[in-house]
Amino acid sequence: MKLLLRILITAALVMVISYFMKGVVVEQFTTAIIVAIVLGLLNLFVKPVLVLLTLPVTFFTLGLFLLVINAMIILLCDHFVDGFDVSSFWTALFFSIILSLSQSLVYQLTGEAK
């Protein structure tokens, strides 16, 4: 039940952010749900590998390279999900930052924090 709630919250945030952010297009809410699921799976399986492979760069940049990894995850999600379009790397970077911050805020407000 907790996982389903997190997916729905993430999907709603994706829809809201895409409405206000130029360069991010989500066709419908079912697409946003698929985006939330794919983002979760990419964060679960691909992101740890990328973090491990880029550990020296991440260490050298004091962790700021993790933002680049998050943007790459968003672009991968754009590649896999039809109906979800991100126009550029910078748009993906800002989208990932806004999504992460808004998820943290909503999870704190709903008591779903990790």
C-alpha atoms as a PDB file:
ATOM      1  CA  MET A   1       0.000   0.000   0.000  1.00  0.00           C
ATOM      2  CA  LYS A   2       2.870   2.360   0.860  1.00  0.00           C
ATOM      3  CA  LEU A   3       4.527   1.673  -2.508  1.00  0.00           C
ATOM      4  CA  LEU A   4       1.302   2.374  -4.402  1.00  0.00           C
ATOM      5  CA  LEU A   5       0.872   5.668  -2.550  1.00  0.00           C
ATOM      6  CA  ARG A   6       4.450   6.690  -3.387  1.00  0.00           C
ATOM      7  CA  ILE A   7       3.895   5.874  -7.070  1.00  0.00           C
ATOM      8  CA  LEU A   8       0.692   7.924  -7.157  1.00  0.00           C
ATOM      9  CA  ILE A   9       2.365  10.861  -5.384  1.00  0.00           C
ATOM     10  CA  THR A  10       5.293  10.770  -7.790  1.00  0.00           C
ATOM     11  CA  ALA A  11       2.941  10.555 -10.775  1.00  0.00           C
ATOM     12  CA  ALA A  12       0.959  13.556  -9.540  1.00  0.00           C
ATOM     13  CA  LEU A  13       4.165  15.536  -9.006  1.00  0.00           C
ATOM     14  CA  VAL A  14       5.383  14.619 -12.493  1.00  0.00           C
ATOM     15  CA  MET A  15       2.093  15.926 -13.935  1.00  0.00           C
ATOM     16  CA  VAL A  16       2.255  19.162 -11.925  1.00  0.00           C
ATOM     17  CA  ILE A  17       5.910  19.824 -12.749  1.00  0.00           C
ATOM     18  CA  SER A  18       5.354  19.103 -16.450  1.00  0.00           C
ATOM     19  CA  TYR A  19       2.452  21.558 -16.462  1.00  0.00           C
ATOM     20  CA  PHE A  20       4.606  24.394 -15.127  1.00  0.00           C
ATOM     21  CA  MET A  21       7.947  23.494 -16.703  1.00  0.00           C
ATOM     22  CA  LYS A  22       8.546  24.261 -20.334  1.00  0.00           C
ATOM     23  CA  GLY A  23      10.380  21.433 -22.095  1.00  0.00           C
ATOM     24  CA  VAL A  24       8.755  18.557 -20.195  1.00  0.00           C
ATOM     25  CA  VAL A  25       5.688  16.959 -21.772  1.00  0.00           C
ATOM     26  CA  VAL A  26       3.504  14.274 -20.193  1.00  0.00           C
ATOM     27  CA  GLU A  27       0.538  13.343 -22.365  1.00  0.00           C
ATOM     28  CA  GLN A  28      -1.806  11.912 -19.720  1.00  0.00           C
ATOM     29  CA  PHE A  29      -1.949  10.710 -16.123  1.00  0.00           C
ATOM     30  CA  THR A  30      -1.444   7.050 -17.064  1.00  0.00           C
ATOM     31  CA  THR A  31       1.800   8.105 -18.727  1.00  0.00           C
ATOM     32  CA  ALA A  32       2.799   9.847 -15.490  1.00  0.00           C
ATOM     33  CA  ILE A  33       2.115   6.629 -13.559  1.00  0.00           C
ATOM     34  CA  ILE A  34       4.316   4.701 -16.000  1.00  0.00           C
ATOM     35  CA  VAL A  35       6.999   7.392 -15.623  1.00  0.00           C
ATOM     36  CA  ALA A  36       6.850   7.018 -11.826  1.00  0.00           C
ATOM     37  CA  ILE A  37       7.217   3.224 -12.087  1.00  0.00           C
ATOM     38  CA  VAL A  38      10.067   3.414 -14.617  1.00  0.00           C
ATOM     39  CA  LEU A  39      11.870   6.066 -12.549  1.00  0.00           C
ATOM     40  CA  GLY A  40      11.580   3.844  -9.504  1.00  0.00           C
ATOM     41  CA  LEU A  41      12.981   0.859 -11.383  1.00  0.00           C
ATOM     42  CA  LEU A  42      15.814   2.880 -12.920  1.00  0.00           C
ATOM     43  CA  ASN A  43      16.694   4.314  -9.502  1.00  0.00           C
ATOM     44  CA  LEU A  44      16.662   0.806  -8.070  1.00  0.00           C
ATOM     45  CA  PHE A  45      18.727  -0.998 -10.714  1.00  0.00           C
ATOM     46  CA  VAL A  46      20.661   1.468 -12.904  1.00  0.00           C
ATOM     47  CA  LYS A  47      21.501   4.331 -10.561  1.00  0.00           C
ATOM     48  CA  PRO A  48      23.635   2.276  -8.110  1.00  0.00           C
ATOM     49  CA  VAL A  49      25.737   0.989 -11.021  1.00  0.00           C
ATOM     50  CA  LEU A  50      26.221   4.512 -12.371  1.00  0.00           C
ATOM     51  CA  VAL A  51      27.118   5.824  -8.925  1.00  0.00           C
ATOM     52  CA  LEU A  52      29.662   3.044  -8.466  1.00  0.00           C
ATOM     53  CA  LEU A  53      31.230   3.578 -11.897  1.00  0.00           C
ATOM     54  CA  THR A  54      31.488   7.345 -11.404  1.00  0.00           C
ATOM     55  CA  LEU A  55      32.633   7.273  -7.792  1.00  0.00           C
ATOM     56  CA  PRO A  56      35.975   9.059  -8.434  1.00  0.00           C
ATOM     57  CA  VAL A  57      34.250  11.888 -10.327  1.00  0.00           C
ATOM     58  CA  THR A  58      31.545  12.114  -7.669  1.00  0.00           C
ATOM     59  CA  PHE A  59      34.173  12.290  -4.938  1.00  0.00           C
ATOM     60  CA  PHE A  60      36.165  14.929  -6.845  1.00  0.00           C
ATOM     61  CA  THR A  61      33.061  17.102  -7.370  1.00  0.00           C
ATOM     62  CA  LEU A  62      31.982  16.682  -3.736  1.00  0.00           C
ATOM     63  CA  GLY A  63      28.816  14.833  -4.770  1.00  0.00           C
ATOM     64  CA  LEU A  64      27.584  17.317  -7.360  1.00  0.00           C
ATOM     65  CA  PHE A  65      27.994  14.730 -10.109  1.00  0.00           C
ATOM     66  CA  LEU A  66      25.036  12.900  -8.560  1.00  0.00           C
ATOM     67  CA  LEU A  67      22.865  15.637 -10.072  1.00  0.00           C
ATOM     68  CA  VAL A  68      24.193  14.672 -13.500  1.00  0.00           C
ATOM     69  CA  ILE A  69      23.379  11.021 -12.777  1.00  0.00           C
ATOM     70  CA  ASN A  70      19.828  11.999 -11.794  1.00  0.00           C
ATOM     71  CA  ALA A  71      19.456  13.921 -15.063  1.00  0.00           C
ATOM     72  CA  MET A  72      20.721  10.899 -16.995  1.00  0.00           C
ATOM     73  CA  ILE A  73      18.115   8.734 -15.239  1.00  0.00           C
ATOM     74  CA  ILE A  74      15.392  11.201 -16.329  1.00  0.00           C
ATOM     75  CA  LEU A  75      16.687  11.089 -19.907  1.00  0.00           C
ATOM     76  CA  LEU A  76      16.704   7.279 -19.809  1.00  0.00           C
ATOM     77  CA  CYS A  77      13.119   7.351 -18.623  1.00  0.00           C
ATOM     78  CA  ASP A  78      12.312   9.704 -21.509  1.00  0.00           C
ATOM     79  CA  HIS A  79      13.831   7.139 -23.867  1.00  0.00           C
ATOM     80  CA  PHE A  80      11.792   4.226 -22.489  1.00  0.00           C
ATOM     81  CA  VAL A  81       8.373   5.849 -21.958  1.00  0.00           C
ATOM     82  CA  ASP A  82       6.266   6.996 -24.898  1.00  0.00           C
ATOM     83  CA  GLY A  83       4.294  10.137 -24.137  1.00  0.00           C
ATOM     84  CA  PHE A  84       7.010  11.512 -21.814  1.00  0.00           C
ATOM     85  CA  ASP A  85       9.362  13.974 -23.444  1.00  0.00           C
ATOM     86  CA  VAL A  86      12.205  16.005 -21.964  1.00  0.00           C
ATOM     87  CA  SER A  87      13.721  18.505 -24.377  1.00  0.00           C
ATOM     88  CA  SER A  88      17.337  18.745 -23.145  1.00  0.00           C
ATOM     89  CA  PHE A  89      19.869  17.716 -20.540  1.00  0.00           C
ATOM     90  CA  TRP A  90      19.423  20.978 -18.621  1.00  0.00           C
ATOM     91  CA  THR A  91      15.678  20.527 -18.547  1.00  0.00           C
ATOM     92  CA  ALA A  92      16.185  17.000 -17.199  1.00  0.00           C
ATOM     93  CA  LEU A  93      18.574  18.352 -14.564  1.00  0.00           C
ATOM     94  CA  PHE A  94      16.112  20.993 -13.345  1.00  0.00           C
ATOM     95  CA  PHE A  95      13.222  18.519 -13.544  1.00  0.00           C
ATOM     96  CA  SER A  96      15.106  16.011 -11.374  1.00  0.00           C
ATOM     97  CA  ILE A  97      15.985  18.674  -8.804  1.00  0.00           C
ATOM     98  CA  ILE A  98      12.418  19.966  -8.592  1.00  0.00           C
ATOM     99  CA  LEU A  99      10.993  16.429  -8.452  1.00  0.00           C
ATOM    100  CA  SER A 100      13.382  15.385  -5.672  1.00  0.00           C
ATOM    101  CA  LEU A 101      12.672  18.468  -3.583  1.00  0.00           C
ATOM    102  CA  SER A 102       8.909  18.238  -4.056  1.00  0.00           C
ATOM    103  CA  GLN A 103       8.920  14.504  -3.242  1.00  0.00           C
ATOM    104  CA  SER A 104      10.822  15.192  -0.036  1.00  0.00           C
ATOM    105  CA  LEU A 105       8.387  17.934   0.931  1.00  0.00           C
ATOM    106  CA  VAL A 106       5.249  15.883   0.180  1.00  0.00           C
ATOM    107  CA  TYR A 107       6.604  12.781   1.931  1.00  0.00           C
ATOM    108  CA  GLN A 108       7.381  14.876   5.025  1.00  0.00           C
ATOM    109  CA  LEU A 109       3.895  16.375   4.997  1.00  0.00           C
ATOM    110  CA  THR A 110       2.160  13.004   4.552  1.00  0.00           C
ATOM    111  CA  GLY A 111       4.350  11.150   7.033  1.00  0.00           C
ATOM    112  CA  GLU A 112       5.780   8.882   4.324  1.00  0.00           C
ATOM    113  CA  ALA A 113       9.409   9.852   4.982  1.00  0.00           C
ATOM    114  CA  LYS A 114      11.938   7.065   4.849  1.00  0.00           C
END
